[in-house]
Protein backbone atom coordinates (compact mmCIF):
# COMPACT_ATOMS: atom_id res chain seq x y z
CA MET A 1 -98.58 56.36 -95.39
CA PHE A 2 -95.18 57.39 -96.76
CA SER A 3 -96.93 59.90 -99.02
CA ALA A 4 -99.09 61.23 -96.20
CA LEU A 5 -96.01 61.86 -94.05
CA ALA A 6 -93.49 63.16 -96.64
CA ALA A 7 -93.19 66.96 -96.60
CA PRO A 8 -90.75 69.89 -96.48
CA ILE A 9 -89.18 70.41 -93.05
CA VAL A 10 -87.90 73.90 -92.22
CA GLY A 11 -84.92 73.86 -89.87
CA LYS A 12 -84.28 76.35 -87.10
CA SER A 13 -81.54 77.79 -89.33
CA GLY A 14 -84.08 78.53 -92.07
CA LYS A 15 -82.75 75.75 -94.31
CA THR A 16 -85.35 73.38 -95.71
CA ALA A 17 -85.08 69.60 -95.85
CA TYR A 18 -87.60 67.11 -97.24
CA GLY A 19 -88.61 63.78 -95.80
CA LEU A 20 -90.52 61.82 -93.17
CA PRO A 21 -90.50 62.66 -89.44
CA TRP A 22 -88.08 60.85 -87.15
CA SER A 23 -90.86 59.06 -85.26
CA ILE A 24 -94.64 58.83 -85.09
CA SER A 25 -96.59 58.12 -81.91
CA ILE A 26 -99.01 55.21 -81.81
CA PRO A 27 -101.99 55.21 -82.03
CA ASP A 28 -102.56 58.90 -82.83
CA GLY A 29 -99.87 59.27 -85.54
CA VAL A 30 -98.43 62.52 -84.12
CA PRO A 31 -94.76 63.16 -85.05
CA HIS A 32 -92.30 63.19 -82.13
CA ALA A 33 -89.43 64.89 -83.94
CA PHE A 34 -88.41 66.15 -87.36
CA GLU A 35 -84.97 64.71 -87.93
CA LEU A 36 -83.80 62.80 -90.99
CA GLN A 37 -81.39 59.88 -91.24
CA ASN A 38 -80.50 58.53 -94.66
CA GLY A 39 -80.04 54.89 -93.60
CA PHE A 40 -80.48 52.74 -90.50
CA VAL A 41 -83.57 53.86 -88.54
CA GLY A 42 -84.39 56.82 -90.83
CA GLN A 43 -84.26 54.98 -94.18
CA GLN A 44 -85.07 58.23 -96.04
CA THR A 45 -83.38 57.26 -99.31
CA SER A 46 -85.15 53.90 -99.52
CA ILE A 47 -88.47 55.66 -98.99
CA ALA A 48 -87.53 58.19 -101.68
CA PHE A 49 -87.03 55.33 -104.15
CA GLN A 50 -90.30 53.67 -103.18
CA LEU A 51 -92.28 56.89 -103.61
CA MET A 52 -90.69 57.53 -107.00
CA ARG A 53 -91.32 53.95 -108.08
CA HIS A 54 -94.93 53.90 -106.91
CA GLY A 55 -95.61 57.31 -108.41
CA LYS A 56 -94.39 56.16 -111.82
CA LEU A 57 -96.09 52.76 -111.59
CA SER A 58 -99.47 54.23 -110.61
CA GLY A 59 -99.24 57.39 -112.72
CA ASN A 60 -99.45 59.54 -109.58
CA ASP A 61 -97.18 62.51 -110.20
CA LYS A 62 -97.69 63.94 -106.70
CA ILE A 63 -96.24 60.81 -105.07
CA PHE A 64 -93.42 60.67 -107.63
CA GLN A 65 -92.51 64.30 -106.90
CA GLN A 66 -92.44 63.62 -103.17
CA GLY A 67 -89.91 60.85 -103.71
CA LEU A 68 -87.94 63.01 -106.12
CA GLU A 69 -87.69 65.84 -103.58
CA MET A 70 -86.47 63.39 -100.93
CA ALA A 71 -83.85 61.96 -103.28
CA LYS A 72 -82.70 65.43 -104.38
CA PHE A 73 -82.21 66.45 -100.76
CA TRP A 74 -79.73 63.63 -100.13
CA PHE A 75 -78.03 63.87 -103.52
CA SER A 76 -77.38 67.57 -102.84
CA ASP A 77 -75.51 66.93 -99.58
CA GLU A 78 -72.35 69.02 -99.98
CA GLN A 79 -70.14 66.45 -98.24
CA LEU A 80 -71.40 63.65 -100.50
CA VAL A 81 -70.86 65.76 -103.63
CA GLU A 82 -67.34 66.81 -102.63
CA TYR A 83 -65.94 63.79 -100.81
CA GLY A 84 -68.20 60.90 -101.79
CA LEU A 85 -69.20 60.06 -98.20
CA PRO A 86 -72.78 61.01 -97.29
CA ARG A 87 -73.56 62.59 -93.97
CA SER A 88 -76.04 60.57 -91.96
CA TRP A 89 -78.20 62.83 -89.86
CA TRP A 90 -80.04 66.11 -90.47
CA ILE A 91 -81.65 67.92 -87.51
CA GLN A 92 -84.45 70.48 -87.40
CA ASN A 93 -83.44 72.10 -84.13
CA GLU A 94 -80.14 71.76 -82.28
CA LYS A 95 -77.43 69.21 -81.49
CA ILE A 96 -74.14 69.71 -79.64
CA ASP A 97 -70.89 67.84 -80.26
CA GLY A 98 -68.29 66.86 -77.65
CA TYR A 99 -66.57 70.25 -77.97
CA ASN A 100 -69.79 72.17 -77.24
CA ASN A 101 -70.14 73.25 -80.87
CA LYS A 102 -73.79 73.76 -81.76
CA TYR A 103 -75.37 72.59 -85.02
CA ILE A 104 -78.73 74.16 -85.75
CA GLY A 105 -81.18 73.16 -88.48
CA ASP A 106 -78.56 71.35 -90.56
CA PHE A 107 -76.42 68.22 -90.69
CA TRP A 108 -74.47 67.64 -87.49
CA THR A 109 -71.32 65.69 -86.63
CA TYR A 110 -72.90 62.28 -86.10
CA PRO A 111 -70.30 59.78 -87.34
CA SER A 112 -70.62 58.19 -90.77
CA PHE A 113 -71.16 54.64 -89.59
CA THR A 114 -70.61 51.96 -92.22
CA ARG A 115 -74.14 50.69 -91.54
CA CYS A 116 -75.68 54.14 -92.11
CA PHE A 117 -73.93 54.95 -95.37
CA THR A 118 -74.53 51.43 -96.71
CA ASP A 119 -78.28 51.67 -96.18
CA GLY A 120 -78.35 55.25 -97.43
CA MET A 121 -76.39 54.61 -100.61
CA GLU A 122 -78.31 51.42 -101.44
CA GLY A 123 -81.41 53.63 -101.52
CA LEU A 124 -79.72 56.26 -103.69
CA LEU A 125 -78.43 53.57 -106.07
CA ASP A 126 -82.03 52.43 -106.52
CA CYS A 127 -82.99 56.04 -107.27
CA VAL A 128 -80.27 56.21 -109.94
CA ARG A 129 -81.34 52.94 -111.54
CA LEU A 130 -84.93 54.17 -111.68
CA ALA A 131 -83.79 57.51 -113.11
CA GLU A 132 -81.92 55.67 -115.86
CA ALA A 133 -84.95 53.53 -116.70
CA TYR A 134 -87.26 56.55 -117.01
CA ASN A 135 -84.63 58.86 -118.58
CA LEU A 136 -85.01 61.42 -115.82
CA PRO A 137 -82.99 64.65 -116.20
CA GLN A 138 -81.15 63.91 -112.92
CA THR A 139 -79.59 60.70 -114.27
CA GLU A 140 -76.15 62.01 -115.21
CA GLU A 141 -75.72 64.14 -112.09
CA TRP A 142 -76.85 61.37 -109.74
CA SER A 143 -74.71 58.76 -111.51
CA SER A 144 -71.59 60.88 -111.05
CA ILE A 145 -72.32 61.17 -107.33
CA ILE A 146 -72.76 57.40 -107.01
CA ASN A 147 -69.41 56.97 -108.78
CA LYS A 148 -67.82 59.44 -106.34
CA PHE A 149 -69.14 57.41 -103.44
CA GLY A 150 -67.87 54.23 -105.10
CA GLU A 151 -64.36 55.64 -105.17
CA PHE A 152 -64.66 56.54 -101.50
CA LEU A 153 -65.71 52.98 -100.67
CA LEU A 154 -62.88 51.47 -102.71
CA ASN A 155 -60.28 53.70 -101.07
CA ALA A 156 -61.58 53.83 -97.50
CA GLU A 157 -58.97 53.02 -94.87
CA THR A 158 -58.49 49.33 -94.15
CA ALA A 159 -56.08 47.26 -92.13
CA GLY A 160 -54.82 45.58 -95.30
CA ASP A 161 -56.78 42.41 -94.57
CA GLY A 162 -59.92 43.15 -96.59
CA SER A 163 -61.86 44.46 -93.61
CA PHE A 164 -63.89 47.64 -93.22
CA TYR A 165 -63.97 49.76 -90.08
CA ARG A 166 -67.15 50.68 -88.21
CA ALA A 167 -67.22 54.45 -88.80
CA TYR A 168 -65.42 56.77 -91.21
CA GLN A 169 -64.42 60.41 -91.67
CA LYS A 170 -64.89 62.26 -94.95
CA ASP A 171 -61.17 61.87 -95.73
CA GLY A 172 -61.64 58.09 -95.89
CA LEU A 173 -59.86 57.38 -92.59
CA TYR A 174 -61.71 55.61 -89.82
CA LEU A 175 -63.09 57.91 -87.14
CA ARG A 176 -60.57 58.69 -84.41
CA ASP A 177 -62.55 61.39 -82.60
CA VAL A 178 -65.44 60.07 -80.51
CA ASN A 179 -66.25 63.62 -79.38
CA ALA A 180 -67.88 64.12 -82.77
CA ILE A 181 -70.90 62.14 -81.62
CA GLY A 182 -71.57 64.52 -78.73
CA PRO A 183 -70.82 65.00 -75.03
CA TRP A 184 -72.42 61.73 -73.90
CA PRO A 185 -69.91 59.08 -72.69
CA ASP A 186 -72.42 56.23 -73.05
CA GLU A 187 -72.91 57.11 -76.74
CA GLN A 188 -69.18 57.66 -77.33
CA LYS A 189 -68.51 54.12 -76.08
CA LYS A 190 -70.72 52.76 -78.86
CA VAL A 191 -68.65 54.28 -81.68
CA GLN A 192 -65.80 51.72 -81.56
CA ALA A 193 -64.83 52.95 -85.01
CA SER A 194 -61.65 50.87 -85.26
CA SER A 195 -63.63 47.65 -84.90
CA LYS A 196 -63.84 45.40 -87.97
CA THR A 197 -67.12 43.71 -87.09
CA ASN A 198 -69.02 45.67 -89.77
CA THR A 199 -66.86 44.32 -92.61
CA LEU A 200 -69.66 42.31 -94.22
CA ILE A 201 -72.20 45.14 -94.18
CA PRO A 202 -71.13 46.92 -97.44
CA VAL A 203 -70.43 43.72 -99.40
CA ARG A 204 -73.83 43.50 -101.11
CA LEU A 205 -73.64 47.20 -101.96
CA LEU A 206 -70.21 46.65 -103.57
CA ILE A 207 -71.62 43.84 -105.70
CA ARG A 208 -74.62 45.97 -106.65
CA LEU A 209 -72.18 48.72 -107.72
CA TYR A 210 -70.30 46.11 -109.77
CA GLU A 211 -73.52 45.00 -111.47
CA TRP A 212 -74.51 48.61 -112.14
CA SER A 213 -71.17 49.89 -113.41
CA GLY A 214 -69.34 46.82 -114.70
CA ASP A 215 -66.27 47.99 -112.75
CA LYS A 216 -64.59 44.80 -111.51
CA ARG A 217 -62.83 46.65 -108.70
CA TYR A 218 -66.09 46.53 -106.77
CA LEU A 219 -66.33 42.76 -107.10
CA ASP A 220 -62.69 42.34 -106.08
CA ARG A 221 -63.21 44.54 -103.01
CA ALA A 222 -66.39 42.64 -102.12
CA ILE A 223 -64.51 39.33 -102.29
CA GLN A 224 -61.72 40.70 -100.07
CA ALA A 225 -64.23 41.78 -97.43
CA GLY A 226 -66.14 38.55 -97.85
CA GLU A 227 -63.02 36.48 -97.26
CA TYR A 228 -62.32 38.39 -94.05
CA GLY A 229 -65.90 37.93 -92.82
CA TYR A 230 -65.97 34.28 -93.90
CA ASN A 231 -62.84 33.45 -91.94
CA GLU A 232 -63.31 35.67 -88.89
CA PHE A 233 -67.04 35.52 -88.25
CA TYR A 234 -68.33 32.36 -89.93
CA LYS A 235 -65.42 29.95 -89.54
CA THR A 236 -63.70 31.26 -86.38
CA LEU A 237 -66.31 32.96 -84.19
CA GLY A 238 -69.41 31.30 -85.57
CA THR A 239 -71.39 34.44 -84.83
CA PHE A 240 -72.07 37.93 -86.17
CA ILE A 241 -71.57 41.14 -84.22
CA GLY A 242 -72.29 44.86 -84.17
CA GLY A 243 -74.94 45.30 -86.85
CA THR A 244 -76.30 48.58 -85.47
CA PRO A 245 -74.71 51.94 -84.53
CA ASP A 246 -76.93 52.42 -81.47
CA ASN A 247 -75.52 49.32 -79.77
CA ALA A 248 -71.85 48.59 -79.28
CA ASN A 249 -70.31 45.39 -80.59
CA VAL A 250 -72.88 42.92 -79.34
CA VAL A 251 -74.15 39.76 -81.00
CA ASP A 252 -77.21 40.90 -82.87
CA LYS A 253 -79.73 39.92 -85.49
CA GLU A 254 -78.94 42.70 -87.94
CA ALA A 255 -75.29 41.66 -88.20
CA GLY A 256 -76.54 38.22 -89.22
CA VAL A 257 -78.95 39.71 -91.74
CA PHE A 258 -76.18 41.68 -93.44
CA ALA A 259 -73.92 38.61 -93.39
CA MET A 260 -76.66 36.71 -95.22
CA TYR A 261 -76.96 39.56 -97.74
CA ALA A 262 -73.18 39.56 -98.25
CA PHE A 263 -72.66 35.82 -98.68
CA THR A 264 -75.71 35.38 -100.92
CA ALA A 265 -74.59 38.23 -103.18
CA LEU A 266 -71.07 36.77 -103.35
CA TYR A 267 -72.48 33.39 -104.34
CA GLN A 268 -74.61 34.92 -107.06
CA ALA A 269 -71.66 36.95 -108.36
CA THR A 270 -69.07 34.14 -108.31
CA GLY A 271 -70.88 30.80 -108.25
CA ASP A 272 -68.52 29.62 -105.50
CA LYS A 273 -70.56 27.35 -103.21
CA LYS A 274 -68.55 28.22 -100.13
CA TRP A 275 -70.44 31.52 -100.09
CA LEU A 276 -73.78 29.70 -100.30
CA GLU A 277 -72.83 27.54 -97.32
CA ALA A 278 -71.98 30.65 -95.32
CA ALA A 279 -75.19 32.36 -96.48
CA GLU A 280 -77.24 29.48 -95.11
CA TYR A 281 -75.44 29.69 -91.77
CA ALA A 282 -76.08 33.44 -91.57
CA ALA A 283 -79.72 32.99 -92.59
CA ILE A 284 -80.34 30.45 -89.81
CA PHE A 285 -78.55 32.75 -87.37
CA ALA A 286 -80.73 35.74 -88.34
CA PHE A 287 -83.99 33.81 -88.46
CA SER A 288 -83.30 32.18 -85.08
CA PHE A 289 -84.04 35.51 -83.37
CA THR A 290 -87.69 35.21 -84.50
CA TYR A 291 -90.61 34.23 -82.29
CA CYS A 292 -92.06 31.22 -84.13
CA TYR A 293 -94.64 30.45 -81.46
CA ASP A 294 -97.40 32.61 -80.09
CA PHE A 295 -98.62 33.52 -76.62
CA ALA A 296 -100.73 36.22 -75.00
CA ILE A 297 -99.01 39.20 -73.38
CA GLN A 298 -100.44 40.41 -70.07
CA GLY A 299 -101.02 44.04 -69.21
CA ASP A 300 -103.66 46.75 -69.38
CA ASP A 301 -101.52 49.24 -71.31
CA VAL A 302 -103.76 50.66 -74.04
CA ALA A 303 -100.91 50.11 -76.53
CA ASN A 304 -100.81 46.37 -75.78
CA ILE A 305 -102.17 44.79 -78.96
CA PHE A 306 -100.91 41.34 -77.93
CA ARG A 307 -103.44 40.50 -75.18
CA ASP A 308 -104.72 37.62 -77.32
CA GLY A 309 -101.35 36.78 -78.87
CA GLY A 310 -99.97 37.78 -82.23
CA ILE A 311 -96.26 38.07 -81.43
CA SER A 312 -95.01 35.39 -83.84
CA GLY A 313 -92.90 37.09 -86.49
CA TYR A 314 -91.47 39.65 -84.08
CA SER A 315 -87.78 39.06 -83.33
CA PHE A 316 -85.25 39.78 -80.59
CA ILE A 317 -82.95 42.71 -81.37
CA THR A 318 -79.79 41.42 -79.68
CA ALA A 319 -78.67 38.32 -77.86
CA GLY A 320 -78.93 38.59 -74.09
CA ALA A 321 -81.48 41.41 -74.04
CA GLY A 322 -85.26 41.52 -74.07
CA GLY A 323 -86.16 44.07 -76.74
CA THR A 324 -87.98 42.88 -79.86
CA ASP A 325 -89.00 44.50 -83.12
CA ASN A 326 -90.23 43.77 -86.63
CA PHE A 327 -86.83 43.94 -88.37
CA ASN A 328 -86.92 40.39 -89.72
CA ALA A 329 -89.77 41.47 -91.96
CA PHE A 330 -86.92 42.69 -94.19
CA ILE A 331 -85.61 39.21 -94.94
CA TYR A 332 -88.45 37.14 -96.36
CA TYR A 333 -87.40 37.96 -99.94
CA GLU A 334 -83.83 36.86 -99.20
CA LEU A 335 -85.02 33.67 -97.50
CA PHE A 336 -87.23 32.83 -100.46
CA LYS A 337 -84.22 33.44 -102.71
CA LEU A 338 -82.20 30.97 -100.64
CA SER A 339 -84.94 28.36 -101.01
CA VAL A 340 -84.58 28.63 -104.79
CA LEU A 341 -80.77 28.67 -104.74
CA THR A 342 -80.53 25.66 -102.40
CA GLY A 343 -83.73 23.72 -103.08
CA ASP A 344 -84.32 23.60 -99.31
CA LYS A 345 -88.00 24.13 -98.42
CA PHE A 346 -87.12 25.28 -94.91
CA TYR A 347 -86.30 28.72 -96.28
CA VAL A 348 -89.59 29.14 -98.10
CA ASN A 349 -91.47 28.13 -94.94
CA ALA A 350 -89.44 30.64 -92.91
CA ALA A 351 -90.10 33.25 -95.58
CA LYS A 352 -93.85 32.66 -95.34
CA ILE A 353 -93.82 33.20 -91.57
CA LEU A 354 -92.07 36.53 -92.01
CA GLU A 355 -94.09 37.55 -95.06
CA ARG A 356 -97.39 37.04 -93.26
CA ASN A 357 -96.95 37.29 -89.51
CA THR A 358 -94.95 40.51 -89.56
CA LYS A 359 -98.04 42.26 -90.96
CA ARG A 360 -100.19 41.26 -87.98
CA PRO A 361 -99.06 44.17 -85.72
CA MET A 362 -100.28 46.64 -88.34
CA ASP A 363 -103.85 47.99 -88.38
CA LEU A 364 -104.75 46.63 -91.81
CA ASP A 365 -108.35 45.86 -90.78
CA GLY A 366 -108.82 49.11 -88.84
CA THR A 367 -109.54 47.44 -85.49
CA LYS A 368 -106.56 48.89 -83.59
CA GLY A 369 -107.51 52.53 -84.16
CA TYR A 370 -104.13 53.56 -85.56
CA ALA A 371 -103.90 56.82 -87.49
CA HIS A 372 -102.37 54.93 -90.42
CA LYS A 373 -103.03 51.29 -91.26
CA ALA A 374 -99.32 50.58 -91.76
CA LEU A 375 -98.18 51.84 -88.35
CA LEU A 376 -96.65 49.24 -86.04
CA LEU A 377 -94.79 49.22 -82.74
CA GLU A 378 -91.03 49.61 -82.80
CA ALA A 379 -88.88 48.44 -79.85
CA THR A 380 -91.15 46.40 -77.56
CA THR A 381 -90.50 43.99 -74.68
CA LEU A 382 -92.52 40.76 -74.67
CA TYR A 383 -90.35 37.98 -73.28
CA LYS A 384 -91.56 38.44 -69.68
CA MET A 385 -95.10 37.91 -70.94
CA THR A 386 -95.85 41.48 -69.87
CA PHE A 387 -95.95 44.47 -72.21
CA SER A 388 -93.73 47.52 -72.49
CA SER A 389 -92.96 49.52 -75.62
CA VAL A 390 -91.70 52.83 -76.96
CA SER A 391 -95.21 53.04 -78.52
CA SER A 392 -93.93 54.67 -81.66
CA TRP A 393 -93.15 53.97 -85.31
CA LEU A 394 -89.88 54.90 -87.00
CA PRO A 395 -89.45 55.07 -90.79
CA TRP A 396 -87.39 51.87 -90.87
CA CYS A 397 -90.47 49.96 -89.67
CA GLY A 398 -92.28 50.93 -92.86
CA VAL A 399 -89.33 50.05 -95.07
CA ALA A 400 -88.93 46.66 -93.36
CA THR A 401 -92.42 45.66 -94.45
CA SER A 402 -92.48 47.33 -97.87
CA GLN A 403 -88.96 46.77 -99.25
CA PRO A 404 -89.19 42.96 -99.52
CA MET A 405 -92.54 43.29 -101.29
CA VAL A 406 -90.99 45.71 -103.77
CA ASN A 407 -87.98 43.42 -104.28
CA PHE A 408 -90.29 40.44 -104.74
CA TYR A 409 -92.35 42.28 -107.35
CA GLN A 410 -89.30 43.60 -109.21
CA THR A 411 -87.94 40.05 -109.35
CA PHE A 412 -91.01 37.89 -109.98
CA GLY A 413 -93.73 40.31 -111.10
CA ALA A 414 -95.86 39.43 -108.06
CA TYR A 415 -95.99 40.61 -104.47
CA ASN A 416 -96.81 37.35 -102.67
CA ILE A 417 -95.02 34.03 -102.32
CA SER A 418 -98.33 32.27 -102.95
CA ASP A 419 -98.50 33.91 -106.40
CA VAL A 420 -95.28 32.28 -107.61
CA GLU A 421 -95.33 28.86 -105.98
CA ASN A 422 -96.57 27.23 -109.17
CA MET A 423 -93.55 28.50 -111.12
CA SER A 424 -90.92 25.90 -111.92
CA SER A 425 -87.66 25.96 -109.99
CA GLN A 426 -85.83 26.91 -113.17
CA ALA A 427 -88.18 29.81 -113.91
CA LEU A 428 -87.73 31.15 -110.37
CA LEU A 429 -83.95 30.80 -110.69
CA ASP A 430 -83.99 32.60 -114.04
CA HIS A 431 -85.84 35.53 -112.45
CA ILE A 432 -83.39 35.66 -109.54
CA ASN A 433 -80.35 35.55 -111.83
CA ALA A 434 -81.79 38.31 -114.01
CA VAL A 435 -81.97 40.62 -110.98
CA GLY A 436 -78.73 39.55 -109.29
CA ALA A 437 -77.95 41.40 -106.07
CA GLY A 438 -80.07 44.35 -107.23
CA GLY A 439 -77.67 46.44 -109.25
CA LYS A 440 -78.56 45.37 -112.77
CA GLU A 441 -80.71 47.41 -115.14
CA TYR A 442 -83.95 48.50 -113.48
CA GLN A 443 -86.95 46.80 -115.06
CA ILE A 444 -90.14 48.82 -115.43
CA LYS A 445 -92.93 46.41 -114.56
CA GLN A 446 -96.56 47.28 -115.23
């Protein structure tokens, strides 16, 4: 599906981008808009890596070239090359900022949220690691850009307490000007750039950069941020907040997911069991948003695929609201990892629910009539036992289901939990330690 959707996109300015459409309608698969976001809901750089990887693995040069073109588009971002901070959002048509400045067929002034650049640069780091493994001609150029970003991350403004702010400017200072996001007061209120609730989000990326480069400054910075998050969110608040840019600082699942990523990576990097304790807390927090029981959803809406049940695996987006999605599909690899690191079978059972049940909303058997088998509904309301949905797929939905499979294969040489359950605990641990947080040398697996 990624390959079927990836293509050049000509902006209204005449400039050409390359990537997947912003959203696809379900069931007909018609694109709603041609906008590109490197991380968060757009996940363009992660898709670029997956296309490159699959193209090389399968010997399909067309698919590899599609991924390469996507990666090259983001690596050529002038702001990233000059300042180290990637811009987040490319538009085909027109956007207006809070000063009535128009941006046409180009990047616009959408803030560089910590969540967006973390997702985006994790994808580009994977592209670099793959380029190194296959000796691609882009390796040196791309590596220098990753290093430039690394320096930005190390020097980004902080309050001196190890924290990170929620959104940054290209000069490394946190965003003071909410007008940059546009003329909409309800969106401006969500920026909250001086908030520190996103501190844990870049921790795993910092540790991956440490593994990739050997530069201990990344590990030191990750520990500083980890200490802040450990004390403020785990020990003091007991909750995780503000994981997404399109909500303000609310208690949400994705903040818990990134806390789990952070604490697990810190444990693997340091061996300090306090991080493992915190990782377990964050994992339970994140998984607790998941429907683990099933019931039928009423309604005659043609998009309602849950008339006979099938909602288990979907998860609430935020606390105190009714929207659900498939985001927890992302975390089955991390939960399985925790089961190996702790010896607790709860995590492998949770991982199996998310590995299997999050595939049910897809059209893998062709009975739903979707244009692509891997389409699935994004934001959907189910808790009232009646159905409502945006009835569309965004690129993150595809990455949520594919990324953990890729990580699983790159770690264990198999895509399914059932394929590795006969491995000894020590063998599983050896595989996990060899991969680390995902920044070590990329292994070409056949």
